[in-house]
Amino acid sequence: QEIRELQAQLQEQHIQVEMDISKPDLTAALRDIRAQYESIAAKNIAEAEEWYKSKVNDLTQAANKNNDALRQAKQEMLEYRHQIQSYTCEIDALKGT
């Protein structure tokens, strides 16, 4: 009877020791998982910021190009308007003669 009780006590202590040993391993594993998660999150944030900066840069360049084209079109329109006025004056002068 006493032997069985001692064996039961030893078994309980063995289980307790195993449980105590596994706790730090679980904590360390959770710490490693958290570190990996934070590393991945930081990498994703950096990639998102790079993508955003790239898109803003692309849009800025496109806007500048479009502004230049608009400026050039306005300049051409002004030149054509002057030509029309010149031709209109010429026609009026020819009609008067």
PDB file of N, CA and C in Angstrom:
ATOM      1  N   GLN A   1       0.843  -1.193   0.000  1.00  0.00           N
ATOM      2  CA  GLN A   1       0.000   0.000   0.000  1.00  0.00           C
ATOM      3  C   GLN A   1       0.885   1.253   0.000  1.00  0.00           C
ATOM      4  N   GLU A   2       1.858   1.289   0.882  1.00  0.00           N
ATOM      5  CA  GLU A   2       2.747   2.445   0.960  1.00  0.00           C
ATOM      6  C   GLU A   2       3.543   2.618  -0.333  1.00  0.00           C
ATOM      7  N   ILE A   3       3.922   1.499  -0.916  1.00  0.00           N
ATOM      8  CA  ILE A   3       4.682   1.562  -2.165  1.00  0.00           C
ATOM      9  C   ILE A   3       3.834   2.212  -3.253  1.00  0.00           C
ATOM     10  N   ARG A   4       2.556   1.831  -3.301  1.00  0.00           N
ATOM     11  CA  ARG A   4       1.656   2.414  -4.301  1.00  0.00           C
ATOM     12  C   ARG A   4       1.492   3.913  -4.068  1.00  0.00           C
ATOM     13  N   GLU A   5       1.371   4.297  -2.810  1.00  0.00           N
ATOM     14  CA  GLU A   5       1.230   5.722  -2.502  1.00  0.00           C
ATOM     15  C   GLU A   5       2.488   6.495  -2.896  1.00  0.00           C
ATOM     16  N   LEU A   6       3.655   5.917  -2.620  1.00  0.00           N
ATOM     17  CA  LEU A   6       4.907   6.561  -3.001  1.00  0.00           C
ATOM     18  C   LEU A   6       5.027   6.661  -4.523  1.00  0.00           C
ATOM     19  N   GLN A   7       4.611   5.596  -5.203  1.00  0.00           N
ATOM     20  CA  GLN A   7       4.651   5.629  -6.667  1.00  0.00           C
ATOM     21  C   GLN A   7       3.702   6.707  -7.210  1.00  0.00           C
ATOM     22  N   ALA A   8       2.545   6.831  -6.592  1.00  0.00           N
ATOM     23  CA  ALA A   8       1.582   7.852  -7.020  1.00  0.00           C
ATOM     24  C   ALA A   8       2.157   9.245  -6.781  1.00  0.00           C
ATOM     25  N   GLN A   9       2.795   9.437  -5.626  1.00  0.00           N
ATOM     26  CA  GLN A   9       3.405  10.736  -5.332  1.00  0.00           C
ATOM     27  C   GLN A   9       4.525  11.053  -6.333  1.00  0.00           C
ATOM     28  N   LEU A  10       5.344  10.047  -6.623  1.00  0.00           N
ATOM     29  CA  LEU A  10       6.416  10.241  -7.591  1.00  0.00           C
ATOM     30  C   LEU A  10       5.845  10.590  -8.968  1.00  0.00           C
ATOM     31  N   GLN A  11       4.766   9.915  -9.332  1.00  0.00           N
ATOM     32  CA  GLN A  11       4.130  10.190 -10.623  1.00  0.00           C
ATOM     33  C   GLN A  11       3.614  11.628 -10.677  1.00  0.00           C
ATOM     34  N   GLU A  12       2.975  12.093  -9.587  1.00  0.00           N
ATOM     35  CA  GLU A  12       2.458  13.465  -9.531  1.00  0.00           C
ATOM     36  C   GLU A  12       3.606  14.476  -9.626  1.00  0.00           C
ATOM     37  N   GLN A  13       4.692  14.197  -8.919  1.00  0.00           N
ATOM     38  CA  GLN A  13       5.841  15.100  -8.957  1.00  0.00           C
ATOM     39  C   GLN A  13       6.464  15.124 -10.351  1.00  0.00           C
ATOM     40  N   HIS A  14       6.504  13.965 -10.990  1.00  0.00           N
ATOM     41  CA  HIS A  14       7.058  13.879 -12.335  1.00  0.00           C
ATOM     42  C   HIS A  14       6.207  14.709 -13.308  1.00  0.00           C
ATOM     43  N   ILE A  15       4.903  14.595 -13.180  1.00  0.00           N
ATOM     44  CA  ILE A  15       3.998  15.382 -14.024  1.00  0.00           C
ATOM     45  C   ILE A  15       4.173  16.865 -13.731  1.00  0.00           C
ATOM     46  N   GLN A  16       4.287  17.221 -12.446  1.00  0.00           N
ATOM     47  CA  GLN A  16       4.465  18.618 -12.064  1.00  0.00           C
ATOM     48  C   GLN A  16       5.764  19.170 -12.645  1.00  0.00           C
ATOM     49  N   VAL A  17       6.831  18.383 -12.577  1.00  0.00           N
ATOM     50  CA  VAL A  17       8.116  18.813 -13.112  1.00  0.00           C
ATOM     51  C   VAL A  17       8.009  19.004 -14.625  1.00  0.00           C
ATOM     52  N   GLU A  18       7.348  18.068 -15.325  1.00  0.00           N
ATOM     53  CA  GLU A  18       7.187  18.191 -16.769  1.00  0.00           C
ATOM     54  C   GLU A  18       6.398  19.445 -17.123  1.00  0.00           C
ATOM     55  N   MET A  19       5.341  19.731 -16.352  1.00  0.00           N
ATOM     56  CA  MET A  19       4.529  20.911 -16.614  1.00  0.00           C
ATOM     57  C   MET A  19       5.337  22.181 -16.367  1.00  0.00           C
ATOM     58  N   ASP A  20       6.128  22.196 -15.290  1.00  0.00           N
ATOM     59  CA  ASP A  20       6.942  23.364 -14.985  1.00  0.00           C
ATOM     60  C   ASP A  20       8.002  23.588 -16.063  1.00  0.00           C
ATOM     61  N   ILE A  21       8.538  22.522 -16.577  1.00  0.00           N
ATOM     62  CA  ILE A  21       9.562  22.643 -17.611  1.00  0.00           C
ATOM     63  C   ILE A  21       8.947  23.153 -18.912  1.00  0.00           C
ATOM     64  N   SER A  22       7.757  22.713 -19.228  1.00  0.00           N
ATOM     65  CA  SER A  22       7.149  23.102 -20.501  1.00  0.00           C
ATOM     66  C   SER A  22       6.692  24.560 -20.505  1.00  0.00           C
ATOM     67  N   LYS A  23       6.443  25.160 -19.367  1.00  0.00           N
ATOM     68  CA  LYS A  23       5.989  26.550 -19.322  1.00  0.00           C
ATOM     69  C   LYS A  23       7.015  27.516 -19.906  1.00  0.00           C
ATOM     70  N   PRO A  24       8.284  27.464 -19.515  1.00  0.00           N
ATOM     71  CA  PRO A  24       9.254  28.376 -20.116  1.00  0.00           C
ATOM     72  C   PRO A  24       9.398  28.152 -21.628  1.00  0.00           C
ATOM     73  N   ASP A  25       9.302  26.894 -22.048  1.00  0.00           N
ATOM     74  CA  ASP A  25       9.390  26.615 -23.476  1.00  0.00           C
ATOM     75  C   ASP A  25       8.233  27.275 -24.213  1.00  0.00           C
ATOM     76  N   LEU A  26       7.045  27.232 -23.638  1.00  0.00           N
ATOM     77  CA  LEU A  26       5.877  27.859 -24.249  1.00  0.00           C
ATOM     78  C   LEU A  26       6.054  29.374 -24.279  1.00  0.00           C
ATOM     79  N   THR A  27       6.559  29.923 -23.185  1.00  0.00           N
ATOM     80  CA  THR A  27       6.799  31.365 -23.135  1.00  0.00           C
ATOM     81  C   THR A  27       7.824  31.772 -24.189  1.00  0.00           C
ATOM     82  N   ALA A  28       8.879  31.002 -24.290  1.00  0.00           N
ATOM     83  CA  ALA A  28       9.909  31.300 -25.292  1.00  0.00           C
ATOM     84  C   ALA A  28       9.341  31.169 -26.702  1.00  0.00           C
ATOM     85  N   ALA A  29       8.526  30.148 -26.914  1.00  0.00           N
ATOM     86  CA  ALA A  29       7.916  29.962 -28.234  1.00  0.00           C
ATOM     87  C   ALA A  29       6.998  31.128 -28.566  1.00  0.00           C
ATOM     88  N   LEU A  30       6.206  31.562 -27.595  1.00  0.00           N
ATOM     89  CA  LEU A  30       5.317  32.706 -27.815  1.00  0.00           C
ATOM     90  C   LEU A  30       6.123  33.976 -28.084  1.00  0.00           C
ATOM     91  N   ARG A  31       7.238  34.131 -27.370  1.00  0.00           N
ATOM     92  CA  ARG A  31       8.104  35.287 -27.582  1.00  0.00           C
ATOM     93  C   ARG A  31       8.676  35.271 -29.004  1.00  0.00           C
ATOM     94  N   ASP A  32       9.108  34.078 -29.446  1.00  0.00           N
ATOM     95  CA  ASP A  32       9.636  33.954 -30.810  1.00  0.00           C
ATOM     96  C   ASP A  32       8.562  34.247 -31.853  1.00  0.00           C
ATOM     97  N   ILE A  33       7.364  33.729 -31.628  1.00  0.00           N
ATOM     98  CA  ILE A  33       6.259  33.966 -32.563  1.00  0.00           C
ATOM     99  C   ILE A  33       5.938  35.449 -32.621  1.00  0.00           C
ATOM    100  N   ARG A  34       5.913  36.088 -31.466  1.00  0.00           N
ATOM    101  CA  ARG A  34       5.622  37.527 -31.435  1.00  0.00           C
ATOM    102  C   ARG A  34       6.704  38.316 -32.178  1.00  0.00           C
ATOM    103  N   ALA A  35       7.956  37.940 -31.969  1.00  0.00           N
ATOM    104  CA  ALA A  35       9.057  38.627 -32.659  1.00  0.00           C
ATOM    105  C   ALA A  35       8.939  38.447 -34.170  1.00  0.00           C
ATOM    106  N   GLN A  36       8.598  37.233 -34.599  1.00  0.00           N
ATOM    107  CA  GLN A  36       8.414  36.986 -36.033  1.00  0.00           C
ATOM    108  C   GLN A  36       7.249  37.810 -36.569  1.00  0.00           C
ATOM    109  N   TYR A  37       6.158  37.838 -35.829  1.00  0.00           N
ATOM    110  CA  TYR A  37       4.977  38.609 -36.245  1.00  0.00           C
ATOM    111  C   TYR A  37       5.321  40.092 -36.364  1.00  0.00           C
ATOM    112  N   GLU A  38       6.026  40.625 -35.372  1.00  0.00           N
ATOM    113  CA  GLU A  38       6.395  42.043 -35.403  1.00  0.00           C
ATOM    114  C   GLU A  38       7.344  42.341 -36.561  1.00  0.00           C
ATOM    115  N   SER A  39       8.240  41.410 -36.848  1.00  0.00           N
ATOM    116  CA  SER A  39       9.156  41.578 -37.975  1.00  0.00           C
ATOM    117  C   SER A  39       8.392  41.596 -39.295  1.00  0.00           C
ATOM    118  N   ILE A  40       7.453  40.674 -39.446  1.00  0.00           N
ATOM    119  CA  ILE A  40       6.636  40.622 -40.664  1.00  0.00           C
ATOM    120  C   ILE A  40       5.785  41.878 -40.779  1.00  0.00           C
ATOM    121  N   ALA A  41       5.206  42.317 -39.666  1.00  0.00           N
ATOM    122  CA  ALA A  41       4.373  43.526 -39.680  1.00  0.00           C
ATOM    123  C   ALA A  41       5.207  44.746 -40.072  1.00  0.00           C
ATOM    124  N   ALA A  42       6.407  44.861 -39.527  1.00  0.00           N
ATOM    125  CA  ALA A  42       7.280  45.992 -39.871  1.00  0.00           C
ATOM    126  C   ALA A  42       7.662  45.949 -41.348  1.00  0.00           C
ATOM    127  N   LYS A  43       7.945  44.756 -41.850  1.00  0.00           N
ATOM    128  CA  LYS A  43       8.285  44.599 -43.269  1.00  0.00           C
ATOM    129  C   LYS A  43       7.098  45.000 -44.142  1.00  0.00           C
ATOM    130  N   ASN A  44       5.891  44.570 -43.770  1.00  0.00           N
ATOM    131  CA  ASN A  44       4.692  44.917 -44.544  1.00  0.00           C
ATOM    132  C   ASN A  44       4.440  46.419 -44.535  1.00  0.00           C
ATOM    133  N   ILE A  45       4.651  47.048 -43.396  1.00  0.00           N
ATOM    134  CA  ILE A  45       4.467  48.505 -43.302  1.00  0.00           C
ATOM    135  C   ILE A  45       5.477  49.213 -44.204  1.00  0.00           C
ATOM    136  N   ALA A  46       6.723  48.763 -44.163  1.00  0.00           N
ATOM    137  CA  ALA A  46       7.760  49.379 -45.000  1.00  0.00           C
ATOM    138  C   ALA A  46       7.434  49.202 -46.484  1.00  0.00           C
ATOM    139  N   GLU A  47       6.972  48.006 -46.861  1.00  0.00           N
ATOM    140  CA  GLU A  47       6.609  47.762 -48.259  1.00  0.00           C
ATOM    141  C   GLU A  47       5.426  48.631 -48.671  1.00  0.00           C
ATOM    142  N   ALA A  48       4.439  48.769 -47.791  1.00  0.00           N
ATOM    143  CA  ALA A  48       3.271  49.605 -48.100  1.00  0.00           C
ATOM    144  C   ALA A  48       3.685  51.066 -48.269  1.00  0.00           C
ATOM    145  N   GLU A  49       4.573  51.539 -47.416  1.00  0.00           N
ATOM    146  CA  GLU A  49       5.052  52.923 -47.531  1.00  0.00           C
ATOM    147  C   GLU A  49       5.826  53.130 -48.832  1.00  0.00           C
ATOM    148  N   GLU A  50       6.658  52.156 -49.201  1.00  0.00           N
ATOM    149  CA  GLU A  50       7.405  52.249 -50.460  1.00  0.00           C
ATOM    150  C   GLU A  50       6.448  52.279 -51.648  1.00  0.00           C
ATOM    151  N   TRP A  51       5.429  51.411 -51.618  1.00  0.00           N
ATOM    152  CA  TRP A  51       4.444  51.370 -52.694  1.00  0.00           C
ATOM    153  C   TRP A  51       3.722  52.712 -52.788  1.00  0.00           C
ATOM    154  N   TYR A  52       3.327  53.245 -51.633  1.00  0.00           N
ATOM    155  CA  TYR A  52       2.621  54.530 -51.597  1.00  0.00           C
ATOM    156  C   TYR A  52       3.496  55.639 -52.178  1.00  0.00           C
ATOM    157  N   LYS A  53       4.759  55.698 -51.744  1.00  0.00           N
ATOM    158  CA  LYS A  53       5.673  56.727 -52.247  1.00  0.00           C
ATOM    159  C   LYS A  53       5.870  56.588 -53.755  1.00  0.00           C
ATOM    160  N   SER A  54       5.981  55.354 -54.221  1.00  0.00           N
ATOM    161  CA  SER A  54       6.154  55.109 -55.647  1.00  0.00           C
ATOM    162  C   SER A  54       4.942  55.597 -56.434  1.00  0.00           C
ATOM    163  N   LYS A  55       3.744  55.296 -55.933  1.00  0.00           N
ATOM    164  CA  LYS A  55       2.520  55.727 -56.622  1.00  0.00           C
ATOM    165  C   LYS A  55       2.388  57.247 -56.607  1.00  0.00           C
ATOM    166  N   VAL A  56       2.697  57.873 -55.492  1.00  0.00           N
ATOM    167  CA  VAL A  56       2.638  59.337 -55.413  1.00  0.00           C
ATOM    168  C   VAL A  56       3.634  59.943 -56.402  1.00  0.00           C
ATOM    169  N   ASN A  57       4.823  59.369 -56.481  1.00  0.00           N
ATOM    170  CA  ASN A  57       5.834  59.851 -57.422  1.00  0.00           C
ATOM    171  C   ASN A  57       5.346  59.702 -58.863  1.00  0.00           C
ATOM    172  N   ASP A  58       4.768  58.533 -59.183  1.00  0.00           N
ATOM    173  CA  ASP A  58       4.241  58.309 -60.534  1.00  0.00           C
ATOM    174  C   ASP A  58       3.152  59.324 -60.873  1.00  0.00           C
ATOM    175  N   LEU A  59       2.239  59.549 -59.937  1.00  0.00           N
ATOM    176  CA  LEU A  59       1.145  60.491 -60.177  1.00  0.00           C
ATOM    177  C   LEU A  59       1.654  61.925 -60.299  1.00  0.00           C
ATOM    178  N   THR A  60       2.662  62.269 -59.515  1.00  0.00           N
ATOM    179  CA  THR A  60       3.246  63.611 -59.601  1.00  0.00           C
ATOM    180  C   THR A  60       3.885  63.828 -60.970  1.00  0.00           C
ATOM    181  N   GLN A  61       4.616  62.822 -61.432  1.00  0.00           N
ATOM    182  CA  GLN A  61       5.239  62.928 -62.755  1.00  0.00           C
ATOM    183  C   GLN A  61       4.179  63.039 -63.851  1.00  0.00           C
ATOM    184  N   ALA A  62       3.119  62.241 -63.743  1.00  0.00           N
ATOM    185  CA  ALA A  62       2.046  62.300 -64.741  1.00  0.00           C
ATOM    186  C   ALA A  62       1.365  63.666 -64.715  1.00  0.00           C
ATOM    187  N   ALA A  63       1.138  64.207 -63.531  1.00  0.00           N
ATOM    188  CA  ALA A  63       0.505  65.528 -63.412  1.00  0.00           C
ATOM    189  C   ALA A  63       1.397  66.603 -64.024  1.00  0.00           C
ATOM    190  N   ASN A  64       2.691  66.530 -63.766  1.00  0.00           N
ATOM    191  CA  ASN A  64       3.626  67.504 -64.350  1.00  0.00           C
ATOM    192  C   ASN A  64       3.632  67.412 -65.876  1.00  0.00           C
ATOM    193  N   LYS A  65       3.634  66.182 -66.384  1.00  0.00           N
ATOM    194  CA  LYS A  65       3.619  65.981 -67.831  1.00  0.00           C
ATOM    195  C   LYS A  65       2.332  66.552 -68.431  1.00  0.00           C
ATOM    196  N   ASN A  66       1.197  66.288 -67.775  1.00  0.00           N
ATOM    197  CA  ASN A  66      -0.083  66.807 -68.266  1.00  0.00           C
ATOM    198  C   ASN A  66      -0.137  68.330 -68.184  1.00  0.00           C
ATOM    199  N   ASN A  67       0.426  68.895 -67.137  1.00  0.00           N
ATOM    200  CA  ASN A  67       0.469  70.361 -67.019  1.00  0.00           C
ATOM    201  C   ASN A  67       1.307  70.973 -68.139  1.00  0.00           C
ATOM    202  N   ASP A  68       2.424  70.325 -68.449  1.00  0.00           N
ATOM    203  CA  ASP A  68       3.261  70.816 -69.550  1.00  0.00           C
ATOM    204  C   ASP A  68       2.505  70.745 -70.876  1.00  0.00           C
ATOM    205  N   ALA A  69       1.809  69.633 -71.105  1.00  0.00           N
ATOM    206  CA  ALA A  69       1.039  69.480 -72.344  1.00  0.00           C
ATOM    207  C   ALA A  69      -0.070  70.526 -72.414  1.00  0.00           C
ATOM    208  N   LEU A  70      -0.726  70.788 -71.294  1.00  0.00           N
ATOM    209  CA  LEU A  70      -1.787  71.801 -71.259  1.00  0.00           C
ATOM    210  C   LEU A  70      -1.221  73.190 -71.554  1.00  0.00           C
ATOM    211  N   ARG A  71      -0.083  73.515 -70.957  1.00  0.00           N
ATOM    212  CA  ARG A  71       0.565  74.799 -71.190  1.00  0.00           C
ATOM    213  C   ARG A  71       0.916  74.961 -72.675  1.00  0.00           C
ATOM    214  N   GLN A  72       1.438  73.900 -73.258  1.00  0.00           N
ATOM    215  CA  GLN A  72       1.805  73.936 -74.670  1.00  0.00           C
ATOM    216  C   GLN A  72       0.555  74.099 -75.544  1.00  0.00           C
ATOM    217  N   ALA A  73      -0.522  73.397 -75.215  1.00  0.00           N
ATOM    218  CA  ALA A  73      -1.766  73.516 -75.987  1.00  0.00           C
ATOM    219  C   ALA A  73      -2.329  74.931 -75.888  1.00  0.00           C
ATOM    220  N   LYS A  74      -2.261  75.524 -74.710  1.00  0.00           N
ATOM    221  CA  LYS A  74      -2.738  76.907 -74.548  1.00  0.00           C
ATOM    222  C   LYS A  74      -1.895  77.869 -75.381  1.00  0.00           C
ATOM    223  N   GLN A  75      -0.592  77.642 -75.401  1.00  0.00           N
ATOM    224  CA  GLN A  75       0.304  78.495 -76.188  1.00  0.00           C
ATOM    225  C   GLN A  75      -0.024  78.379 -77.678  1.00  0.00           C
ATOM    226  N   GLU A  76      -0.230  77.141 -78.145  1.00  0.00           N
ATOM    227  CA  GLU A  76      -0.587  76.937 -79.553  1.00  0.00           C
ATOM    228  C   GLU A  76      -1.919  77.602 -79.875  1.00  0.00           C
ATOM    229  N   MET A  77      -2.888  77.479 -78.972  1.00  0.00           N
ATOM    230  CA  MET A  77      -4.194  78.093 -79.177  1.00  0.00           C
ATOM    231  C   MET A  77      -4.056  79.613 -79.294  1.00  0.00           C
ATOM    232  N   LEU A  78      -3.232  80.200 -78.463  1.00  0.00           N
ATOM    233  CA  LEU A  78      -3.002  81.640 -78.511  1.00  0.00           C
ATOM    234  C   LEU A  78      -2.371  82.047 -79.847  1.00  0.00           C
ATOM    235  N   GLU A  79      -1.409  81.258 -80.307  1.00  0.00           N
ATOM    236  CA  GLU A  79      -0.771  81.538 -81.594  1.00  0.00           C
ATOM    237  C   GLU A  79      -1.785  81.432 -82.736  1.00  0.00           C
ATOM    238  N   TYR A  80      -2.633  80.400 -82.700  1.00  0.00           N
ATOM    239  CA  TYR A  80      -3.661  80.250 -83.742  1.00  0.00           C
ATOM    240  C   TYR A  80      -4.662  81.400 -83.702  1.00  0.00           C
ATOM    241  N   ARG A  81      -4.994  81.845 -82.526  1.00  0.00           N
ATOM    242  CA  ARG A  81      -5.920  82.971 -82.381  1.00  0.00           C
ATOM    243  C   ARG A  81      -5.316  84.235 -83.014  1.00  0.00           C
ATOM    244  N   HIS A  82      -4.028  84.441 -82.781  1.00  0.00           N
ATOM    245  CA  HIS A  82      -3.346  85.593 -83.391  1.00  0.00           C
ATOM    246  C   HIS A  82      -3.331  85.469 -84.922  1.00  0.00           C
ATOM    247  N   GLN A  83      -3.090  84.252 -85.414  1.00  0.00           N
ATOM    248  CA  GLN A  83      -3.101  84.034 -86.863  1.00  0.00           C
ATOM    249  C   GLN A  83      -4.482  84.325 -87.447  1.00  0.00           C
ATOM    250  N   ILE A  84      -5.524  83.853 -86.758  1.00  0.00           N
ATOM    251  CA  ILE A  84      -6.895  84.099 -87.226  1.00  0.00           C
ATOM    252  C   ILE A  84      -7.170  85.594 -87.272  1.00  0.00           C
ATOM    253  N   GLN A  85      -6.763  86.306 -86.213  1.00  0.00           N
ATOM    254  CA  GLN A  85      -6.967  87.763 -86.193  1.00  0.00           C
ATOM    255  C   GLN A  85      -6.210  88.431 -87.343  1.00  0.00           C
ATOM    256  N   SER A  86      -5.001  87.963 -87.582  1.00  0.00           N
ATOM    257  CA  SER A  86      -4.192  88.526 -88.665  1.00  0.00           C
ATOM    258  C   SER A  86      -4.853  88.265 -90.016  1.00  0.00           C
ATOM    259  N   TYR A  87      -5.316  87.021 -90.222  1.00  0.00           N
ATOM    260  CA  TYR A  87      -5.975  86.680 -91.487  1.00  0.00           C
ATOM    261  C   TYR A  87      -7.292  87.441 -91.651  1.00  0.00           C
ATOM    262  N   THR A  88      -8.008  87.615 -90.546  1.00  0.00           N
ATOM    263  CA  THR A  88      -9.267  88.364 -90.596  1.00  0.00           C
ATOM    264  C   THR A  88      -9.004  89.809 -91.006  1.00  0.00           C
ATOM    265  N   CYS A  89      -7.978  90.413 -90.452  1.00  0.00           N
ATOM    266  CA  CYS A  89      -7.616  91.794 -90.822  1.00  0.00           C
ATOM    267  C   CYS A  89      -7.214  91.863 -92.294  1.00  0.00           C
ATOM    268  N   GLU A  90      -6.458  90.856 -92.733  1.00  0.00           N
ATOM    269  CA  GLU A  90      -6.029  90.808 -94.132  1.00  0.00           C
ATOM    270  C   GLU A  90      -7.233  90.701 -95.065  1.00  0.00           C
ATOM    271  N   ILE A  91      -8.176  89.825 -94.714  1.00  0.00           N
ATOM    272  CA  ILE A  91      -9.389  89.639 -95.525  1.00  0.00           C
ATOM    273  C   ILE A  91     -10.198  90.927 -95.564  1.00  0.00           C
ATOM    274  N   ASP A  92     -10.351  91.557 -94.394  1.00  0.00           N
ATOM    275  CA  ASP A  92     -11.095  92.830 -94.341  1.00  0.00           C
ATOM    276  C   ASP A  92     -10.417  93.887 -95.206  1.00  0.00           C
ATOM    277  N   ALA A  93      -9.092  93.906 -95.184  1.00  0.00           N
ATOM    278  CA  ALA A  93      -8.347  94.882 -95.985  1.00  0.00           C
ATOM    279  C   ALA A  93      -8.536  94.603 -97.471  1.00  0.00           C
ATOM    280  N   LEU A  94      -8.537  93.314 -97.832  1.00  0.00           N
ATOM    281  CA  LEU A  94      -8.717  92.958 -99.243  1.00  0.00           C
ATOM    282  C   LEU A  94     -10.139  93.252 -99.715  1.00  0.00           C
ATOM    283  N   LYS A  95     -11.113  93.087 -98.818  1.00  0.00           N
ATOM    284  CA  LYS A  95     -12.503  93.388 -99.163  1.00  0.00           C
ATOM    285  C   LYS A  95     -12.684  94.884 -99.380  1.00  0.00           C
ATOM    286  N   GLY A  96     -11.932  95.669 -98.664  1.00  0.00           N
ATOM    287  CA  GLY A  96     -12.054  97.120 -98.741  1.00  0.00           C
ATOM    288  C   GLY A  96     -11.471  97.690-100.015  1.00  0.00           C
ATOM    289  N   THR A  97     -10.624  96.973-100.666  1.00  0.00           N
ATOM    290  CA  THR A  97      -9.998  97.534-101.871  1.00  0.00           C
ATOM    291  C   THR A  97     -10.808  97.322-103.113  1.00  0.00           C
TER     292      THR A  97
END
